Amino acid sequence: MPELFKPLLPLLIATATSLAGTVCIRLASDQTLLWLAILGGSLWSLSGAAFVLAATFDGVELGVYSALMSAGGIILINLIGIAFWGEAINPRKIIALTFLTISICLLAWPTTRP
C-alpha cells in the first residue's frame, strides 16, 4: 500500500463513525431514546480516536485531513437528511454542497513536496 493511502483508512473510519454518531443523535432526539444518544456519543468518541490515529502518520497535513473529514461529513449528513428526513433541497444548499465537493477534491489532490 502506498504511503499516501495509509492514513486514509483511519480517516474514513473517523468520518463514518462521526456520521453514524450524528444519525444516532438525530434518531435519539426524534424518539427520546437515551441509549441512542449514548451510542451516538460513543461513536463520536471513536471518531476522535480514529482521527488521532490518522494524524500520527508521517507526512499527514493535519489541516487538510481535518477539512476532508469535516467537509465529507457535512456533505454526507446533508444527503442523509434529504433522503431520510425530507430536509429541504434548495439552490443555495446545492451550490454550497457543490463548492464543498470541489474543495474536497482540491485538498485531496496529491501534491509533490520539495
C-alpha atoms as a PDB file:
ATOM      1  CA  MET A   1       0.000   0.000   0.000  1.00  0.00           C
ATOM      2  CA  PRO A   2       1.498   3.382  -0.962  1.00  0.00           C
ATOM      3  CA  GLU A   3       2.401   5.654   1.943  1.00  0.00           C
ATOM      4  CA  LEU A   4      -0.073   8.274   0.725  1.00  0.00           C
ATOM      5  CA  PHE A   5      -3.033   5.968   1.354  1.00  0.00           C
ATOM      6  CA  LYS A   6      -2.076   4.526   4.769  1.00  0.00           C
ATOM      7  CA  PRO A   7      -3.741   7.267   6.846  1.00  0.00           C
ATOM      8  CA  LEU A   8      -6.876   7.160   4.685  1.00  0.00           C
ATOM      9  CA  LEU A   9      -8.352   4.082   6.374  1.00  0.00           C
ATOM     10  CA  PRO A  10      -8.437   5.637   9.865  1.00  0.00           C
ATOM     11  CA  LEU A  11      -9.685   8.882   8.298  1.00  0.00           C
ATOM     12  CA  LEU A  12     -12.528   7.008   6.582  1.00  0.00           C
ATOM     13  CA  ILE A  13     -13.328   5.227   9.851  1.00  0.00           C
ATOM     14  CA  ALA A  14     -13.320   8.581  11.659  1.00  0.00           C
ATOM     15  CA  THR A  15     -15.692  10.081   9.097  1.00  0.00           C
ATOM     16  CA  ALA A  16     -18.009   7.048   9.081  1.00  0.00           C
ATOM     17  CA  THR A  17     -18.234   6.837  12.872  1.00  0.00           C
ATOM     18  CA  SER A  18     -18.827  10.579  13.145  1.00  0.00           C
ATOM     19  CA  LEU A  19     -21.600  10.290  10.577  1.00  0.00           C
ATOM     20  CA  ALA A  20     -23.147   7.286  12.372  1.00  0.00           C
ATOM     21  CA  GLY A  21     -22.932   9.159  15.675  1.00  0.00           C
ATOM     22  CA  THR A  22     -24.754  12.134  14.188  1.00  0.00           C
ATOM     23  CA  VAL A  23     -27.517   9.882  12.829  1.00  0.00           C
ATOM     24  CA  CYS A  24     -27.863   8.205  16.253  1.00  0.00           C
ATOM     25  CA  ILE A  25     -28.173  11.579  17.971  1.00  0.00           C
ATOM     26  CA  ARG A  26     -30.814  12.663  15.445  1.00  0.00           C
ATOM     27  CA  LEU A  27     -32.756   9.424  15.979  1.00  0.00           C
ATOM     28  CA  ALA A  28     -32.414   9.815  19.748  1.00  0.00           C
ATOM     29  CA  SER A  29     -33.871  13.323  19.591  1.00  0.00           C
ATOM     30  CA  ASP A  30     -36.774  12.129  17.435  1.00  0.00           C
ATOM     31  CA  GLN A  31     -37.606   9.151  19.644  1.00  0.00           C
ATOM     32  CA  THR A  32     -36.215  10.310  23.021  1.00  0.00           C
ATOM     33  CA  LEU A  33     -34.165   7.126  23.451  1.00  0.00           C
ATOM     34  CA  LEU A  34     -31.263   7.554  25.844  1.00  0.00           C
ATOM     35  CA  TRP A  35     -29.369   4.501  24.565  1.00  0.00           C
ATOM     36  CA  LEU A  36     -29.223   6.022  21.069  1.00  0.00           C
ATOM     37  CA  ALA A  37     -27.802   9.243  22.490  1.00  0.00           C
ATOM     38  CA  ILE A  38     -25.167   7.260  24.402  1.00  0.00           C
ATOM     39  CA  LEU A  39     -24.349   5.246  21.269  1.00  0.00           C
ATOM     40  CA  GLY A  40     -24.038   8.469  19.269  1.00  0.00           C
ATOM     41  CA  GLY A  41     -21.649   9.969  21.807  1.00  0.00           C
ATOM     42  CA  SER A  42     -19.621   6.762  21.864  1.00  0.00           C
ATOM     43  CA  LEU A  43     -19.364   6.783  18.080  1.00  0.00           C
ATOM     44  CA  TRP A  44     -18.192  10.400  18.166  1.00  0.00           C
ATOM     45  CA  SER A  45     -15.509   9.376  20.687  1.00  0.00           C
ATOM     46  CA  LEU A  46     -14.423   6.532  18.403  1.00  0.00           C
ATOM     47  CA  SER A  47     -14.313   9.019  15.543  1.00  0.00           C
ATOM     48  CA  GLY A  48     -11.959  11.237  17.525  1.00  0.00           C
ATOM     49  CA  ALA A  49      -9.698   8.295  18.332  1.00  0.00           C
ATOM     50  CA  ALA A  50      -9.574   7.225  14.668  1.00  0.00           C
ATOM     51  CA  PHE A  51      -8.730  10.791  13.648  1.00  0.00           C
ATOM     52  CA  VAL A  52      -5.890  10.908  16.178  1.00  0.00           C
ATOM     53  CA  LEU A  53      -4.604   7.633  14.712  1.00  0.00           C
ATOM     54  CA  ALA A  54      -4.749   9.100  11.188  1.00  0.00           C
ATOM     55  CA  ALA A  55      -2.875  12.187  12.386  1.00  0.00           C
ATOM     56  CA  THR A  56       0.025  10.113  13.742  1.00  0.00           C
ATOM     57  CA  PHE A  57       1.222   9.054  10.290  1.00  0.00           C
ATOM     58  CA  ASP A  58       4.247  10.892   8.902  1.00  0.00           C
ATOM     59  CA  GLY A  59       3.505  13.408   6.183  1.00  0.00           C
ATOM     60  CA  VAL A  60      -0.111  13.956   7.210  1.00  0.00           C
ATOM     61  CA  GLU A  61      -1.170  17.564   6.946  1.00  0.00           C
ATOM     62  CA  LEU A  62      -3.486  17.913   9.918  1.00  0.00           C
ATOM     63  CA  GLY A  63      -5.370  20.884   8.488  1.00  0.00           C
ATOM     64  CA  VAL A  64      -6.062  19.070   5.230  1.00  0.00           C
ATOM     65  CA  TYR A  65      -7.209  15.864   6.940  1.00  0.00           C
ATOM     66  CA  SER A  66      -9.412  17.772   9.358  1.00  0.00           C
ATOM     67  CA  ALA A  67     -11.006  19.685   6.480  1.00  0.00           C
ATOM     68  CA  LEU A  68     -11.529  16.481   4.479  1.00  0.00           C
ATOM     69  CA  MET A  69     -13.216  14.757   7.393  1.00  0.00           C
ATOM     70  CA  SER A  70     -15.402  17.744   8.240  1.00  0.00           C
ATOM     71  CA  ALA A  71     -16.451  18.562   4.686  1.00  0.00           C
ATOM     72  CA  GLY A  72     -17.057  14.904   3.843  1.00  0.00           C
ATOM     73  CA  GLY A  73     -19.245  14.553   6.913  1.00  0.00           C
ATOM     74  CA  ILE A  74     -21.183  17.714   6.094  1.00  0.00           C
ATOM     75  CA  ILE A  75     -21.896  16.537   2.555  1.00  0.00           C
ATOM     76  CA  LEU A  76     -22.925  13.035   3.628  1.00  0.00           C
ATOM     77  CA  ILE A  77     -25.104  14.129   6.557  1.00  0.00           C
ATOM     78  CA  ASN A  78     -26.904  16.604   4.289  1.00  0.00           C
ATOM     79  CA  LEU A  79     -27.603  13.841   1.769  1.00  0.00           C
ATOM     80  CA  ILE A  80     -28.844  11.545   4.556  1.00  0.00           C
ATOM     81  CA  GLY A  81     -31.063  14.333   5.908  1.00  0.00           C
ATOM     82  CA  ILE A  82     -32.557  14.882   2.478  1.00  0.00           C
ATOM     83  CA  ALA A  83     -33.076  11.155   1.828  1.00  0.00           C
ATOM     84  CA  PHE A  84     -34.406  10.024   5.209  1.00  0.00           C
ATOM     85  CA  TRP A  85     -35.824  13.081   6.967  1.00  0.00           C
ATOM     86  CA  GLY A  86     -37.156  15.016   3.995  1.00  0.00           C
ATOM     87  CA  GLU A  87     -34.967  18.036   4.618  1.00  0.00           C
ATOM     88  CA  ALA A  88     -35.290  20.827   2.093  1.00  0.00           C
ATOM     89  CA  ILE A  89     -33.383  20.894  -1.157  1.00  0.00           C
ATOM     90  CA  ASN A  90     -32.855  24.406  -2.425  1.00  0.00           C
ATOM     91  CA  PRO A  91     -30.450  26.062  -4.861  1.00  0.00           C
ATOM     92  CA  ARG A  92     -28.335  27.556  -2.072  1.00  0.00           C
ATOM     93  CA  LYS A  93     -27.809  24.134  -0.465  1.00  0.00           C
ATOM     94  CA  ILE A  94     -26.940  22.554  -3.811  1.00  0.00           C
ATOM     95  CA  ILE A  95     -24.420  25.319  -4.584  1.00  0.00           C
ATOM     96  CA  ALA A  96     -22.855  25.069  -1.108  1.00  0.00           C
ATOM     97  CA  LEU A  97     -22.529  21.273  -1.289  1.00  0.00           C
ATOM     98  CA  THR A  98     -21.064  21.573  -4.793  1.00  0.00           C
ATOM     99  CA  PHE A  99     -18.426  24.007  -3.527  1.00  0.00           C
ATOM    100  CA  LEU A 100     -17.636  21.669  -0.629  1.00  0.00           C
ATOM    101  CA  THR A 101     -17.218  18.774  -3.042  1.00  0.00           C
ATOM    102  CA  ILE A 102     -14.885  20.830  -5.232  1.00  0.00           C
ATOM    103  CA  SER A 103     -12.944  21.880  -2.130  1.00  0.00           C
ATOM    104  CA  ILE A 104     -12.522  18.266  -1.022  1.00  0.00           C
ATOM    105  CA  CYS A 105     -11.245  17.294  -4.457  1.00  0.00           C
ATOM    106  CA  LEU A 106      -8.749  20.171  -4.481  1.00  0.00           C
ATOM    107  CA  LEU A 107      -7.499  19.409  -0.980  1.00  0.00           C
ATOM    108  CA  ALA A 108      -7.196  15.682  -1.602  1.00  0.00           C
ATOM    109  CA  TRP A 109      -5.312  16.128  -4.872  1.00  0.00           C
ATOM    110  CA  PRO A 110      -1.801  14.804  -4.274  1.00  0.00           C
ATOM    111  CA  THR A 111       0.970  17.355  -4.493  1.00  0.00           C
ATOM    112  CA  THR A 112       4.702  16.907  -4.608  1.00  0.00           C
ATOM    113  CA  ARG A 113       6.745  18.230  -1.740  1.00  0.00           C
ATOM    114  CA  PRO A 114      10.053  19.998  -2.224  1.00  0.00           C
END
